[in-house]
Amino acid sequence: MTSVIMEVGDGTVSTHCAGLDVHKKIVVACVRILGTDGKPHTETRTFSTMTADLLALADWLLTQGVTQVAMESTGEYWKPIYAILEPQLTVMVVNAQHIKQVPGRKTDVKDAAWIAELLAHGLLRPSFIPPAPQRDLRDLTRQRTTLIHERAAVVNRLQKVLEWANIKLAAVATDVTGKSARSMLEAIVDGQSDATALAELAKGRMRAKRIAPLALVGAR
């Protein structure tokens, strides 16, 4: 198969390419093919962002002989499209601000067609997209960090509620979410109000401290 990346008289460097205008619910795709007459031929279609339609988009691009695709990095919407197209095509994700700064756009040119034209002439600067394993690891570490922050926020709210109720659990327990502290909290929720009985629920090193029962007495 003849390479679709070449230098021709009008400055075209990609003869079979496509621009994608990505939205929340739809993707507008414009295929740009340089014909044997030296003139570009374009075709535009609209697909929904459902998986089945994105697969249909990939099939359509392949049947058109497209090997290069470019799209704006619009929020999070580009990621599912990138994941589907990446194994089969060379996909370029471009900063939207960069596309706006490229001069020469006519007001009647649609976004997808303009992206395809810029791609065809080698005027787009791709953003760095890490390989899939690196993206997976980054997502995992980000999710772990988010969960740690959310847990800390919940613990802080728990400590505030205990202080409002004048239950001085934090004064006798290093970790208010530890095994002993949780047993005491569960007993309080179940209606136990006897401080001595609550103190007896201490386990391990906390029990060895001989915690003061009065520290567990809440506001009446």
N, C-alpha and C. Protein backbone atom coordinates (compact mmCIF):
# COMPACT_ATOMS: atom_id res chain seq x y z
N MET A 1 0.85 -1.20 0.00
CA MET A 1 0.00 0.00 0.00
C MET A 1 0.88 1.24 0.00
N THR A 2 0.55 2.21 -0.82
CA THR A 2 1.34 3.42 -0.91
C THR A 2 1.20 4.23 0.37
N SER A 3 2.31 4.82 0.82
CA SER A 3 2.29 5.62 2.03
C SER A 3 1.37 6.81 1.84
N VAL A 4 0.65 7.15 2.90
CA VAL A 4 -0.27 8.28 2.82
C VAL A 4 0.35 9.53 3.44
N ILE A 5 1.62 9.44 3.83
CA ILE A 5 2.31 10.60 4.37
C ILE A 5 3.39 10.99 3.38
N MET A 6 3.24 12.15 2.77
CA MET A 6 4.17 12.56 1.73
C MET A 6 4.12 14.07 1.58
N GLU A 7 5.07 14.61 0.85
CA GLU A 7 5.10 16.05 0.60
C GLU A 7 4.65 16.28 -0.83
N VAL A 8 3.58 17.08 -0.98
CA VAL A 8 3.09 17.39 -2.31
C VAL A 8 3.17 18.89 -2.53
N GLY A 9 2.82 19.30 -3.74
CA GLY A 9 3.05 20.68 -4.14
C GLY A 9 2.41 21.73 -3.26
N ASP A 10 1.21 21.45 -2.73
CA ASP A 10 0.52 22.48 -1.95
C ASP A 10 0.88 22.44 -0.47
N GLY A 11 1.91 21.68 -0.12
CA GLY A 11 2.34 21.61 1.27
C GLY A 11 1.68 20.52 2.07
N THR A 12 0.87 19.70 1.42
CA THR A 12 0.21 18.61 2.13
C THR A 12 1.23 17.55 2.53
N VAL A 13 1.18 17.14 3.80
CA VAL A 13 2.08 16.09 4.27
C VAL A 13 1.33 14.81 4.61
N SER A 14 0.01 14.88 4.70
CA SER A 14 -0.80 13.69 4.95
C SER A 14 -1.96 13.68 3.97
N THR A 15 -2.00 12.67 3.12
CA THR A 15 -3.02 12.64 2.07
C THR A 15 -4.32 11.98 2.51
N HIS A 16 -4.27 11.17 3.57
CA HIS A 16 -5.47 10.49 4.08
C HIS A 16 -5.55 10.72 5.59
N CYS A 17 -6.32 11.70 5.99
CA CYS A 17 -6.38 12.02 7.41
C CYS A 17 -7.80 12.45 7.78
N ALA A 18 -8.02 12.66 9.07
CA ALA A 18 -9.35 13.04 9.54
C ALA A 18 -9.24 13.94 10.75
N GLY A 19 -10.20 14.86 10.87
CA GLY A 19 -10.31 15.72 12.04
C GLY A 19 -11.58 15.38 12.79
N LEU A 20 -11.50 15.35 14.11
CA LEU A 20 -12.65 15.03 14.94
C LEU A 20 -13.00 16.21 15.81
N ASP A 21 -14.28 16.58 15.79
CA ASP A 21 -14.79 17.62 16.68
C ASP A 21 -15.59 16.90 17.76
N VAL A 22 -15.02 16.84 18.96
CA VAL A 22 -15.56 15.99 20.03
C VAL A 22 -16.47 16.80 20.95
N HIS A 23 -17.67 16.26 21.19
CA HIS A 23 -18.60 16.86 22.12
C HIS A 23 -19.01 15.79 23.15
N LYS A 24 -19.86 16.17 24.08
CA LYS A 24 -20.27 15.23 25.12
C LYS A 24 -21.04 14.05 24.55
N LYS A 25 -21.98 14.33 23.62
CA LYS A 25 -22.86 13.28 23.11
C LYS A 25 -22.55 12.87 21.68
N ILE A 26 -21.83 13.70 20.94
CA ILE A 26 -21.56 13.38 19.53
C ILE A 26 -20.11 13.66 19.17
N VAL A 27 -19.69 13.03 18.09
CA VAL A 27 -18.37 13.28 17.49
C VAL A 27 -18.60 13.58 16.02
N VAL A 28 -18.16 14.73 15.57
CA VAL A 28 -18.24 15.08 14.15
C VAL A 28 -16.89 14.75 13.52
N ALA A 29 -16.89 13.87 12.52
CA ALA A 29 -15.65 13.44 11.88
C ALA A 29 -15.61 13.91 10.43
N CYS A 30 -14.51 14.51 10.07
CA CYS A 30 -14.31 14.97 8.69
C CYS A 30 -13.09 14.28 8.10
N VAL A 31 -13.32 13.47 7.09
CA VAL A 31 -12.22 12.78 6.40
C VAL A 31 -11.74 13.66 5.25
N ARG A 32 -10.44 13.80 5.14
CA ARG A 32 -9.85 14.62 4.06
C ARG A 32 -8.88 13.74 3.28
N ILE A 33 -9.19 13.54 2.00
CA ILE A 33 -8.37 12.68 1.15
C ILE A 33 -7.92 13.47 -0.07
N LEU A 34 -6.65 13.41 -0.35
CA LEU A 34 -6.12 14.10 -1.53
C LEU A 34 -6.32 13.22 -2.74
N GLY A 35 -7.12 13.69 -3.68
CA GLY A 35 -7.44 12.89 -4.85
C GLY A 35 -6.31 12.86 -5.86
N THR A 36 -6.48 12.01 -6.89
CA THR A 36 -5.47 11.90 -7.94
C THR A 36 -5.36 13.17 -8.76
N ASP A 37 -6.40 14.02 -8.67
CA ASP A 37 -6.37 15.29 -9.39
C ASP A 37 -5.65 16.38 -8.59
N GLY A 38 -5.14 15.99 -7.42
CA GLY A 38 -4.42 16.95 -6.60
C GLY A 38 -5.31 17.82 -5.74
N LYS A 39 -6.62 17.56 -5.76
CA LYS A 39 -7.55 18.35 -4.97
C LYS A 39 -8.05 17.53 -3.77
N PRO A 40 -8.22 18.19 -2.63
CA PRO A 40 -8.72 17.46 -1.45
C PRO A 40 -10.21 17.19 -1.55
N HIS A 41 -10.59 16.01 -1.16
CA HIS A 41 -12.01 15.63 -1.11
C HIS A 41 -12.35 15.34 0.35
N THR A 42 -13.44 15.93 0.81
CA THR A 42 -13.82 15.75 2.21
C THR A 42 -15.20 15.13 2.34
N GLU A 43 -15.38 14.43 3.43
CA GLU A 43 -16.70 13.86 3.77
C GLU A 43 -16.85 13.95 5.28
N THR A 44 -18.00 14.42 5.71
CA THR A 44 -18.25 14.62 7.14
C THR A 44 -19.42 13.76 7.60
N ARG A 45 -19.20 13.09 8.72
CA ARG A 45 -20.27 12.30 9.33
C ARG A 45 -20.30 12.56 10.83
N THR A 46 -21.46 12.32 11.42
CA THR A 46 -21.64 12.52 12.85
C THR A 46 -21.97 11.19 13.52
N PHE A 47 -21.30 10.93 14.63
CA PHE A 47 -21.50 9.70 15.38
C PHE A 47 -21.81 10.07 16.84
N SER A 48 -22.56 9.20 17.50
CA SER A 48 -22.78 9.41 18.93
C SER A 48 -21.54 8.91 19.68
N THR A 49 -21.44 9.23 20.95
CA THR A 49 -20.28 8.81 21.74
C THR A 49 -20.49 7.47 22.43
N MET A 50 -21.59 6.76 22.08
CA MET A 50 -21.78 5.40 22.59
C MET A 50 -20.73 4.48 21.97
N THR A 51 -20.35 3.45 22.70
CA THR A 51 -19.26 2.58 22.26
C THR A 51 -19.51 1.99 20.88
N ALA A 52 -20.73 1.54 20.62
CA ALA A 52 -21.04 0.93 19.33
C ALA A 52 -20.79 1.92 18.19
N ASP A 53 -21.18 3.18 18.39
CA ASP A 53 -20.98 4.18 17.36
C ASP A 53 -19.52 4.57 17.21
N LEU A 54 -18.78 4.56 18.30
CA LEU A 54 -17.35 4.86 18.22
C LEU A 54 -16.61 3.75 17.45
N LEU A 55 -17.07 2.53 17.63
CA LEU A 55 -16.49 1.42 16.84
C LEU A 55 -16.84 1.58 15.36
N ALA A 56 -18.07 2.06 15.11
CA ALA A 56 -18.47 2.32 13.72
C ALA A 56 -17.63 3.45 13.13
N LEU A 57 -17.31 4.44 13.94
CA LEU A 57 -16.43 5.53 13.50
C LEU A 57 -15.06 4.99 13.10
N ALA A 58 -14.51 4.12 13.94
CA ALA A 58 -13.20 3.54 13.64
C ALA A 58 -13.25 2.75 12.33
N ASP A 59 -14.31 1.95 12.14
CA ASP A 59 -14.44 1.17 10.91
C ASP A 59 -14.54 2.08 9.68
N TRP A 60 -15.31 3.17 9.82
CA TRP A 60 -15.46 4.09 8.69
C TRP A 60 -14.14 4.75 8.33
N LEU A 61 -13.39 5.17 9.33
CA LEU A 61 -12.10 5.80 9.07
C LEU A 61 -11.15 4.83 8.36
N LEU A 62 -11.17 3.57 8.80
CA LEU A 62 -10.29 2.57 8.18
C LEU A 62 -10.70 2.28 6.74
N THR A 63 -12.00 2.20 6.48
CA THR A 63 -12.45 1.93 5.11
C THR A 63 -12.13 3.10 4.18
N GLN A 64 -11.98 4.29 4.73
CA GLN A 64 -11.61 5.46 3.93
C GLN A 64 -10.10 5.56 3.70
N GLY A 65 -9.37 4.63 4.31
CA GLY A 65 -7.92 4.64 4.15
C GLY A 65 -7.20 5.62 5.05
N VAL A 66 -7.91 6.16 6.03
CA VAL A 66 -7.32 7.13 6.96
C VAL A 66 -6.31 6.43 7.86
N THR A 67 -5.17 7.08 8.05
CA THR A 67 -4.16 6.54 8.98
C THR A 67 -3.82 7.52 10.09
N GLN A 68 -4.18 8.79 9.91
CA GLN A 68 -3.90 9.80 10.92
C GLN A 68 -5.19 10.53 11.31
N VAL A 69 -5.37 10.72 12.61
CA VAL A 69 -6.56 11.40 13.13
C VAL A 69 -6.11 12.43 14.16
N ALA A 70 -6.78 13.58 14.16
CA ALA A 70 -6.48 14.61 15.15
C ALA A 70 -7.77 15.08 15.79
N MET A 71 -7.70 15.42 17.07
CA MET A 71 -8.85 15.96 17.79
C MET A 71 -8.37 16.84 18.92
N GLU A 72 -9.27 17.72 19.37
CA GLU A 72 -8.95 18.59 20.49
C GLU A 72 -9.03 17.82 21.80
N SER A 73 -8.24 18.25 22.76
CA SER A 73 -8.29 17.63 24.09
C SER A 73 -9.41 18.29 24.89
N THR A 74 -10.64 17.95 24.55
CA THR A 74 -11.82 18.56 25.16
C THR A 74 -12.20 17.83 26.44
N GLY A 75 -11.93 18.44 27.60
CA GLY A 75 -12.30 17.83 28.88
C GLY A 75 -11.83 16.39 28.98
N GLU A 76 -12.76 15.52 29.35
CA GLU A 76 -12.49 14.08 29.43
C GLU A 76 -13.10 13.34 28.25
N TYR A 77 -13.79 14.07 27.37
CA TYR A 77 -14.56 13.42 26.30
C TYR A 77 -13.69 12.71 25.28
N TRP A 78 -12.46 13.16 25.10
CA TRP A 78 -11.59 12.58 24.07
C TRP A 78 -11.05 11.21 24.47
N LYS A 79 -11.03 10.90 25.75
CA LYS A 79 -10.34 9.69 26.22
C LYS A 79 -10.96 8.39 25.70
N PRO A 80 -12.30 8.19 25.76
CA PRO A 80 -12.85 6.94 25.21
C PRO A 80 -12.59 6.81 23.70
N ILE A 81 -12.64 7.93 22.99
CA ILE A 81 -12.39 7.90 21.53
C ILE A 81 -10.94 7.52 21.27
N TYR A 82 -10.05 8.10 22.03
CA TYR A 82 -8.63 7.79 21.89
C TYR A 82 -8.37 6.31 22.15
N ALA A 83 -9.01 5.77 23.19
CA ALA A 83 -8.79 4.37 23.56
C ALA A 83 -9.23 3.43 22.44
N ILE A 84 -10.31 3.78 21.73
CA ILE A 84 -10.81 2.92 20.65
C ILE A 84 -9.99 3.06 19.37
N LEU A 85 -9.56 4.29 19.06
CA LEU A 85 -8.85 4.52 17.80
C LEU A 85 -7.35 4.21 17.90
N GLU A 86 -6.78 4.34 19.08
CA GLU A 86 -5.33 4.21 19.24
C GLU A 86 -4.75 2.90 18.69
N PRO A 87 -5.39 1.74 18.92
CA PRO A 87 -4.77 0.50 18.42
C PRO A 87 -4.71 0.40 16.90
N GLN A 88 -5.53 1.19 16.18
CA GLN A 88 -5.63 1.02 14.73
C GLN A 88 -5.11 2.21 13.93
N LEU A 89 -5.06 3.38 14.56
CA LEU A 89 -4.69 4.59 13.84
C LEU A 89 -3.68 5.41 14.63
N THR A 90 -3.02 6.31 13.93
CA THR A 90 -2.16 7.28 14.61
C THR A 90 -3.05 8.44 15.04
N VAL A 91 -3.22 8.59 16.35
CA VAL A 91 -4.15 9.58 16.88
C VAL A 91 -3.36 10.72 17.53
N MET A 92 -3.71 11.93 17.15
CA MET A 92 -3.06 13.12 17.68
C MET A 92 -4.06 13.92 18.51
N VAL A 93 -3.74 14.14 19.76
CA VAL A 93 -4.57 14.96 20.63
C VAL A 93 -3.90 16.33 20.74
N VAL A 94 -4.66 17.37 20.43
CA VAL A 94 -4.08 18.71 20.32
C VAL A 94 -4.77 19.66 21.28
N ASN A 95 -3.99 20.52 21.90
CA ASN A 95 -4.54 21.54 22.78
C ASN A 95 -5.44 22.49 21.99
N ALA A 96 -6.65 22.72 22.50
CA ALA A 96 -7.62 23.55 21.79
C ALA A 96 -7.10 24.97 21.56
N GLN A 97 -6.33 25.48 22.51
CA GLN A 97 -5.80 26.83 22.38
C GLN A 97 -4.82 26.93 21.22
N HIS A 98 -4.05 25.86 21.03
CA HIS A 98 -3.09 25.84 19.92
C HIS A 98 -3.82 25.91 18.57
N ILE A 99 -4.92 25.17 18.43
CA ILE A 99 -5.68 25.18 17.18
C ILE A 99 -6.23 26.58 16.90
N LYS A 100 -6.70 27.26 17.95
CA LYS A 100 -7.26 28.60 17.78
C LYS A 100 -6.20 29.60 17.33
N GLN A 101 -4.95 29.35 17.71
CA GLN A 101 -3.88 30.30 17.40
C GLN A 101 -3.33 30.15 15.99
N VAL A 102 -3.66 29.06 15.31
CA VAL A 102 -3.18 28.88 13.94
C VAL A 102 -3.97 29.81 13.02
N PRO A 103 -3.31 30.70 12.30
CA PRO A 103 -4.02 31.68 11.46
C PRO A 103 -4.54 31.06 10.17
N GLY A 104 -5.47 31.77 9.52
CA GLY A 104 -5.94 31.38 8.19
C GLY A 104 -7.28 30.73 8.14
N ARG A 105 -7.94 30.56 9.28
CA ARG A 105 -9.22 29.88 9.27
C ARG A 105 -10.32 30.79 8.74
N LYS A 106 -11.16 30.23 7.87
CA LYS A 106 -12.32 30.95 7.37
C LYS A 106 -13.49 30.73 8.33
N THR A 107 -14.34 31.70 8.42
CA THR A 107 -15.42 31.64 9.40
C THR A 107 -16.43 30.53 9.11
N ASP A 108 -16.54 30.11 7.84
CA ASP A 108 -17.54 29.11 7.49
C ASP A 108 -16.99 27.68 7.54
N VAL A 109 -15.75 27.52 7.95
CA VAL A 109 -15.15 26.19 8.03
C VAL A 109 -15.48 25.57 9.39
N LYS A 110 -16.07 24.38 9.37
CA LYS A 110 -16.43 23.70 10.60
C LYS A 110 -15.18 23.22 11.33
N ASP A 111 -15.33 22.98 12.64
CA ASP A 111 -14.18 22.60 13.46
C ASP A 111 -13.49 21.34 12.94
N ALA A 112 -14.28 20.30 12.65
CA ALA A 112 -13.69 19.03 12.21
C ALA A 112 -12.92 19.20 10.90
N ALA A 113 -13.48 19.96 9.97
CA ALA A 113 -12.82 20.19 8.68
C ALA A 113 -11.54 21.00 8.86
N TRP A 114 -11.58 21.97 9.77
CA TRP A 114 -10.39 22.79 10.01
C TRP A 114 -9.28 21.97 10.65
N ILE A 115 -9.64 21.11 11.59
CA ILE A 115 -8.64 20.23 12.22
C ILE A 115 -8.02 19.30 11.17
N ALA A 116 -8.88 18.74 10.29
CA ALA A 116 -8.37 17.85 9.24
C ALA A 116 -7.41 18.59 8.31
N GLU A 117 -7.75 19.83 7.96
CA GLU A 117 -6.88 20.61 7.06
C GLU A 117 -5.53 20.91 7.72
N LEU A 118 -5.57 21.29 8.98
CA LEU A 118 -4.33 21.57 9.70
C LEU A 118 -3.46 20.32 9.79
N LEU A 119 -4.11 19.18 10.06
CA LEU A 119 -3.38 17.92 10.15
C LEU A 119 -2.76 17.57 8.81
N ALA A 120 -3.52 17.77 7.74
CA ALA A 120 -3.03 17.43 6.40
C ALA A 120 -1.77 18.23 6.05
N HIS A 121 -1.67 19.45 6.56
CA HIS A 121 -0.53 20.31 6.23
C HIS A 121 0.55 20.31 7.32
N GLY A 122 0.41 19.41 8.30
CA GLY A 122 1.44 19.29 9.32
C GLY A 122 1.54 20.49 10.24
N LEU A 123 0.41 21.15 10.50
CA LEU A 123 0.43 22.37 11.29
C LEU A 123 -0.06 22.17 12.73
N LEU A 124 -0.20 20.92 13.14
CA LEU A 124 -0.65 20.65 14.50
C LEU A 124 0.50 20.14 15.36
N ARG A 125 0.50 20.58 16.60
CA ARG A 125 1.51 20.12 17.56
C ARG A 125 0.83 19.21 18.57
N PRO A 126 1.13 17.93 18.56
CA PRO A 126 0.41 16.99 19.44
C PRO A 126 0.81 17.14 20.90
N SER A 127 -0.15 16.90 21.76
CA SER A 127 0.14 16.83 23.19
C SER A 127 0.75 15.46 23.49
N PHE A 128 1.53 15.40 24.55
CA PHE A 128 2.12 14.11 24.93
C PHE A 128 1.08 13.24 25.61
N ILE A 129 0.85 12.07 25.06
CA ILE A 129 -0.05 11.09 25.66
C ILE A 129 0.80 9.89 26.06
N PRO A 130 0.91 9.59 27.34
CA PRO A 130 1.75 8.46 27.78
C PRO A 130 1.22 7.14 27.22
N PRO A 131 2.08 6.12 27.13
CA PRO A 131 1.62 4.79 26.71
C PRO A 131 0.55 4.26 27.66
N ALA A 132 -0.25 3.32 27.17
CA ALA A 132 -1.38 2.80 27.95
C ALA A 132 -0.98 2.31 29.35
N PRO A 133 0.10 1.51 29.50
CA PRO A 133 0.47 1.05 30.86
C PRO A 133 0.77 2.22 31.80
N GLN A 134 1.41 3.26 31.28
CA GLN A 134 1.72 4.42 32.11
C GLN A 134 0.45 5.19 32.47
N ARG A 135 -0.50 5.27 31.52
CA ARG A 135 -1.77 5.93 31.82
C ARG A 135 -2.54 5.18 32.89
N ASP A 136 -2.53 3.85 32.80
CA ASP A 136 -3.23 3.03 33.80
C ASP A 136 -2.63 3.24 35.19
N LEU A 137 -1.29 3.25 35.25
CA LEU A 137 -0.63 3.45 36.54
C LEU A 137 -0.93 4.83 37.10
N ARG A 138 -0.92 5.84 36.24
CA ARG A 138 -1.20 7.20 36.69
C ARG A 138 -2.63 7.32 37.20
N ASP A 139 -3.58 6.70 36.50
CA ASP A 139 -4.98 6.73 36.96
C ASP A 139 -5.12 6.04 38.31
N LEU A 140 -4.39 4.92 38.48
CA LEU A 140 -4.47 4.17 39.73
C LEU A 140 -3.91 4.99 40.89
N THR A 141 -2.76 5.62 40.68
CA THR A 141 -2.16 6.40 41.76
C THR A 141 -3.00 7.64 42.08
N ARG A 142 -3.59 8.25 41.05
CA ARG A 142 -4.47 9.40 41.29
C ARG A 142 -5.70 8.99 42.09
N GLN A 143 -6.27 7.83 41.74
CA GLN A 143 -7.44 7.35 42.46
C GLN A 143 -7.09 7.03 43.91
N ARG A 144 -5.93 6.44 44.12
CA ARG A 144 -5.48 6.13 45.49
C ARG A 144 -5.32 7.42 46.30
N THR A 145 -4.71 8.43 45.70
CA THR A 145 -4.54 9.72 46.38
C THR A 145 -5.89 10.33 46.73
N THR A 146 -6.84 10.24 45.79
CA THR A 146 -8.18 10.79 46.04
C THR A 146 -8.86 10.08 47.20
N LEU A 147 -8.75 8.74 47.23
CA LEU A 147 -9.37 7.97 48.31
C LEU A 147 -8.74 8.30 49.66
N ILE A 148 -7.42 8.49 49.69
CA ILE A 148 -6.74 8.84 50.93
C ILE A 148 -7.25 10.19 51.45
N HIS A 149 -7.39 11.17 50.54
CA HIS A 149 -7.88 12.48 50.93
C HIS A 149 -9.33 12.40 51.42
N GLU A 150 -10.15 11.60 50.75
CA GLU A 150 -11.55 11.47 51.15
C GLU A 150 -11.66 10.80 52.52
N ARG A 151 -10.82 9.78 52.76
CA ARG A 151 -10.83 9.12 54.07
C ARG A 151 -10.43 10.09 55.18
N ALA A 152 -9.39 10.88 54.91
CA ALA A 152 -8.95 11.86 55.91
C ALA A 152 -10.05 12.86 56.22
N ALA A 153 -10.80 13.28 55.18
CA ALA A 153 -11.89 14.23 55.38
C ALA A 153 -12.99 13.62 56.25
N VAL A 154 -13.30 12.33 56.02
CA VAL A 154 -14.33 11.65 56.81
C VAL A 154 -13.89 11.53 58.27
N VAL A 155 -12.63 11.17 58.50
CA VAL A 155 -12.11 11.05 59.86
C VAL A 155 -12.18 12.39 60.58
N ASN A 156 -11.83 13.47 59.86
CA ASN A 156 -11.90 14.80 60.47
C ASN A 156 -13.33 15.16 60.85
N ARG A 157 -14.29 14.82 59.99
CA ARG A 157 -15.70 15.10 60.31
C ARG A 157 -16.15 14.29 61.53
N LEU A 158 -15.67 13.03 61.61
CA LEU A 158 -16.01 12.19 62.75
C LEU A 158 -15.48 12.79 64.05
N GLN A 159 -14.25 13.27 64.01
CA GLN A 159 -13.66 13.87 65.21
C GLN A 159 -14.43 15.13 65.64
N LYS A 160 -14.89 15.92 64.67
CA LYS A 160 -15.66 17.12 64.98
C LYS A 160 -16.98 16.76 65.64
N VAL A 161 -17.66 15.73 65.11
CA VAL A 161 -18.93 15.30 65.69
C VAL A 161 -18.74 14.83 67.13
N LEU A 162 -17.66 14.09 67.37
CA LEU A 162 -17.37 13.61 68.73
C LEU A 162 -17.10 14.78 69.67
N GLU A 163 -16.38 15.79 69.18
CA GLU A 163 -16.10 16.96 70.01
C GLU A 163 -17.39 17.72 70.33
N TRP A 164 -18.28 17.85 69.33
CA TRP A 164 -19.55 18.54 69.55
C TRP A 164 -20.38 17.81 70.61
N ALA A 165 -20.27 16.47 70.61
CA ALA A 165 -21.01 15.68 71.59
C ALA A 165 -20.26 15.54 72.91
N ASN A 166 -19.07 16.17 72.98
CA ASN A 166 -18.22 16.13 74.17
C ASN A 166 -17.78 14.71 74.52
N ILE A 167 -17.61 13.90 73.48
CA ILE A 167 -17.06 12.56 73.67
C ILE A 167 -15.57 12.65 73.35
N LYS A 168 -14.73 12.54 74.39
CA LYS A 168 -13.30 12.80 74.25
C LYS A 168 -12.54 11.54 73.81
N LEU A 169 -13.04 10.88 72.80
CA LEU A 169 -12.40 9.65 72.34
C LEU A 169 -11.00 9.92 71.81
N ALA A 170 -10.82 11.04 71.12
CA ALA A 170 -9.51 11.36 70.56
C ALA A 170 -8.46 11.60 71.64
N ALA A 171 -8.92 11.89 72.88
CA ALA A 171 -7.99 12.14 73.97
C ALA A 171 -7.36 10.85 74.49
N VAL A 172 -8.04 9.74 74.27
CA VAL A 172 -7.54 8.46 74.78
C VAL A 172 -7.18 7.48 73.67
N ALA A 173 -7.59 7.78 72.42
CA ALA A 173 -7.30 6.89 71.29
C ALA A 173 -6.50 7.65 70.24
N THR A 174 -5.36 7.10 69.91
CA THR A 174 -4.52 7.73 68.88
C THR A 174 -5.25 7.77 67.55
N ASP A 175 -5.97 6.70 67.23
CA ASP A 175 -6.71 6.60 65.97
C ASP A 175 -8.18 6.35 66.28
N VAL A 176 -9.03 7.31 65.97
CA VAL A 176 -10.46 7.16 66.27
C VAL A 176 -11.14 6.19 65.33
N THR A 177 -10.39 5.67 64.35
CA THR A 177 -10.95 4.64 63.46
C THR A 177 -10.30 3.28 63.72
N GLY A 178 -9.52 3.20 64.81
CA GLY A 178 -8.89 1.93 65.15
C GLY A 178 -9.90 0.92 65.68
N LYS A 179 -9.43 -0.29 65.96
CA LYS A 179 -10.33 -1.36 66.35
C LYS A 179 -11.06 -1.05 67.65
N SER A 180 -10.31 -0.58 68.67
CA SER A 180 -10.94 -0.27 69.96
C SER A 180 -11.91 0.88 69.82
N ALA A 181 -11.49 1.95 69.15
CA ALA A 181 -12.34 3.12 69.00
C ALA A 181 -13.62 2.78 68.22
N ARG A 182 -13.50 1.94 67.21
CA ARG A 182 -14.68 1.57 66.44
C ARG A 182 -15.66 0.76 67.29
N SER A 183 -15.11 -0.12 68.14
CA SER A 183 -15.98 -0.90 69.01
C SER A 183 -16.76 0.01 69.96
N MET A 184 -16.08 1.04 70.47
CA MET A 184 -16.74 1.98 71.37
C MET A 184 -17.80 2.79 70.64
N LEU A 185 -17.47 3.24 69.44
CA LEU A 185 -18.42 4.02 68.65
C LEU A 185 -19.65 3.19 68.30
N GLU A 186 -19.44 1.93 67.94
CA GLU A 186 -20.57 1.06 67.63
C GLU A 186 -21.46 0.87 68.85
N ALA A 187 -20.82 0.75 70.03
CA ALA A 187 -21.60 0.58 71.26
C ALA A 187 -22.40 1.84 71.56
N ILE A 188 -21.81 3.01 71.35
CA ILE A 188 -22.52 4.27 71.57
C ILE A 188 -23.71 4.37 70.63
N VAL A 189 -23.51 4.00 69.36
CA VAL A 189 -24.61 4.03 68.39
C VAL A 189 -25.73 3.08 68.81
N ASP A 190 -25.36 1.94 69.42
CA ASP A 190 -26.36 0.96 69.86
C ASP A 190 -27.06 1.38 71.15
N GLY A 191 -26.62 2.51 71.72
CA GLY A 191 -27.32 3.02 72.91
C GLY A 191 -26.57 2.88 74.21
N GLN A 192 -25.35 2.35 74.17
CA GLN A 192 -24.57 2.21 75.41
C GLN A 192 -24.11 3.58 75.89
N SER A 193 -24.42 3.91 77.14
CA SER A 193 -24.03 5.21 77.69
C SER A 193 -23.19 5.09 78.95
N ASP A 194 -22.96 3.86 79.38
CA ASP A 194 -22.15 3.66 80.58
C ASP A 194 -20.67 3.78 80.22
N ALA A 195 -19.99 4.79 80.80
CA ALA A 195 -18.60 5.07 80.45
C ALA A 195 -17.68 3.91 80.81
N THR A 196 -17.93 3.27 81.94
CA THR A 196 -17.08 2.16 82.36
C THR A 196 -17.20 0.99 81.39
N ALA A 197 -18.42 0.70 80.96
CA ALA A 197 -18.64 -0.38 80.00
C ALA A 197 -17.96 -0.07 78.67
N LEU A 198 -18.00 1.20 78.28
CA LEU A 198 -17.33 1.59 77.03
C LEU A 198 -15.82 1.43 77.16
N ALA A 199 -15.28 1.81 78.32
CA ALA A 199 -13.84 1.70 78.54
C ALA A 199 -13.39 0.25 78.49
N GLU A 200 -14.25 -0.67 78.89
CA GLU A 200 -13.90 -2.09 78.88
C GLU A 200 -13.75 -2.64 77.46
N LEU A 201 -14.22 -1.89 76.48
CA LEU A 201 -14.10 -2.34 75.09
C LEU A 201 -12.71 -2.09 74.51
N ALA A 202 -11.86 -1.39 75.27
CA ALA A 202 -10.50 -1.13 74.80
C ALA A 202 -9.73 -2.43 74.65
N LYS A 203 -8.91 -2.49 73.62
CA LYS A 203 -8.14 -3.70 73.33
C LYS A 203 -6.67 -3.36 73.15
N GLY A 204 -5.82 -4.37 73.35
CA GLY A 204 -4.39 -4.22 73.08
C GLY A 204 -3.73 -3.12 73.88
N ARG A 205 -2.92 -2.31 73.20
CA ARG A 205 -2.16 -1.25 73.88
C ARG A 205 -3.08 -0.21 74.50
N MET A 206 -4.23 0.01 73.88
CA MET A 206 -5.17 1.00 74.42
C MET A 206 -5.71 0.53 75.77
N ARG A 207 -5.93 -0.77 75.93
CA ARG A 207 -6.43 -1.30 77.20
C ARG A 207 -5.37 -1.17 78.28
N ALA A 208 -4.11 -1.33 77.87
CA ALA A 208 -3.01 -1.23 78.83
C ALA A 208 -2.86 0.18 79.38
N LYS A 209 -3.41 1.18 78.68
CA LYS A 209 -3.31 2.57 79.14
C LYS A 209 -4.27 2.85 80.29
N ARG A 210 -5.19 1.92 80.54
CA ARG A 210 -6.21 2.12 81.59
C ARG A 210 -6.92 3.47 81.38
N ILE A 211 -7.60 3.56 80.27
CA ILE A 211 -8.22 4.82 79.88
C ILE A 211 -9.26 5.26 80.91
N ALA A 212 -9.37 6.56 81.06
CA ALA A 212 -10.31 7.11 82.05
C ALA A 212 -11.73 7.03 81.51
N PRO A 213 -12.63 6.37 82.19
CA PRO A 213 -14.03 6.26 81.72
C PRO A 213 -14.68 7.60 81.49
N LEU A 214 -14.32 8.61 82.30
CA LEU A 214 -14.97 9.90 82.14
C LEU A 214 -14.68 10.55 80.81
N ALA A 215 -13.57 10.13 80.16
CA ALA A 215 -13.24 10.71 78.86
C ALA A 215 -14.27 10.31 77.79
N LEU A 216 -15.02 9.25 78.08
CA LEU A 216 -15.98 8.76 77.11
C LEU A 216 -17.39 9.22 77.39
N VAL A 217 -17.56 10.04 78.41
CA VAL A 217 -18.89 10.51 78.74
C VAL A 217 -19.24 11.69 77.84
N GLY A 218 -20.36 11.57 77.12
CA GLY A 218 -20.76 12.64 76.20
C GLY A 218 -21.67 13.65 76.85
N ALA A 219 -22.02 14.65 76.11
CA ALA A 219 -22.92 15.67 76.62
C ALA A 219 -24.32 15.09 76.82
N ARG A 220 -24.96 15.52 77.84
CA ARG A 220 -26.31 15.00 78.13
C ARG A 220 -27.37 15.84 77.42
